[in-house]
Amino acid sequence: MSEIPADIQTAEAEGRIPDGITADYLAQSRDRPTKIAILFVAALTFVIVVARCYARLFLVKKFGWDDALAVFTLAIYIAIVALCIILIDMGSGRHIEYIQYVLTLPRVIETERYDFVMHILYTTALFVCRLSGLAFYQRLASRHPKISLAIKLSAGFLLAAFLAQFFLLLFHCLPVTGLWPYPWQPQIDDYNCITWGDVYVTNSALSLVCDIMMLALPSMLIYMLQVSPKRKLQLSLIMFPGVLVLVISCVRLWLVIVGQWSSDGSWAYDPMLAIETSEVGGTLIALSIPAMKSLFGSWFSHLKAYSSRAGGTSGKPSGGQRAYGRSWETGVKLSSLGTRAAADDAYKVNIGVGGNPSLPSEGTKHSRNDGSSEDLLMDVSFSPEERQLAFKNGIRLTEEVSISSSRVSRLPHLSR
């Protein structure tokens, strides 16, 4: 027989526990594994977001709106985790009989208010985090007007969904209160409330739709790329960790349904807290992995635009070898297009005549590989000389052709 906690012994001694409900049943708890899961995801999320900030601030030296919004989300997320731990320690995730017969009424009211604040923060954190994702996608899709428009429309939908969720939570009872009274609480007659399940099922369904939309946007980005199916699959492995977030969102919806329409609904509360914190943390992680690319440049080398020797494998030229030519828009090195080679050497390159790629300002410096997240879809790490060469010859992505090295030597003389 397990040790009975003091609060249950006190309630039993005071005669608050009806016959037929055992102390062992009331002592059942899933608090410890829930707290371990929440703290593990929180620690992992914190490390990854800090690594992202380090990469953006000190390696790429481009700290954008998406990064600032991610940091803001992390601050809200830490507050959510703290509130979840408090709610668990207060007994919110125990059997419903524990809440009704062991917890005092002032304690129950306190848990309801903490839950109200926590879910306001949870809804806000998801909204801000998704805005961070849209800002990141907008940075990648700056050259694709249709996708940019889709991102702006998605931002409008996210705002509308957030307002609906926020006001459902705020006005779940009239007059407005942080309480959500149980049928056995005296306050039940003081308020006219929507049922807990109706509000949370609606909010969870809206959240699921938002997660689907956030997954569809990188799908569109990858679909627009002129690369092989294999390269698209490789990109998907980096851009699609959001699939896990989608699964988490579905599990949350299921737990909300269980919590509302089960006779022991509070028993699902601990797992729901773990899922909700995992949803926020997972979204932050999913959006931070591509943004911290510069920390793992070699791991992401397969995401470069397709370019290889015909019949061979792609790779960097060494010593006296010629660099393979790649087009401006795919971010391919142009430094050796003018090198003459043996007539039997052939290269696969993507070229076209025309275009007007923008040039950096004279004061802007670029390294060979700045490792920024933009080159998940395009490589912007060219030297000013390479960009001048691309601009002079008007080289842009149109189609893939095979040319001999003798033809490569004549490329710098192409005119518009």
Foldseek 3Di string as FASTA:
>chain_A
DDDQDPLLVVLVVVVLADPPDDSVQQRDAPLVVLLVLLVVLLVVLVVLLVLLCCLCCPQLNHCDPLNVLLVVLNVLLVVLSVLLNVLRVLPLQGFPSCLRRRDDPVSLQVSLLSVLVSVLSLLVSLLSLVVSLLVVLCLLCVVPVVLNVVSVVLNVLSVVLSVVLNVCSQPQKPPGDSGDDDPPDPCPVVIDGDAQLVSQLSNLVSSLVNLVSSQVSVVVVLVPAPADPVLSVVLCVLQPLSVVLNVLSVVLSVLSVCLRPPPGNSNSVSVNSSSSSSNSSSSSNSSSRLQSQLVPVVVCVSLQGDWDWVPDGDDADDDPDAGAAEFQFSAGFDPRLQDADDQPTKIKYFWDAADADDADDPPDAAAQASRGSSNSRHGPRDGNVRVVQCRQRRIDGDDIDMDGSNVSNCSSVHHD
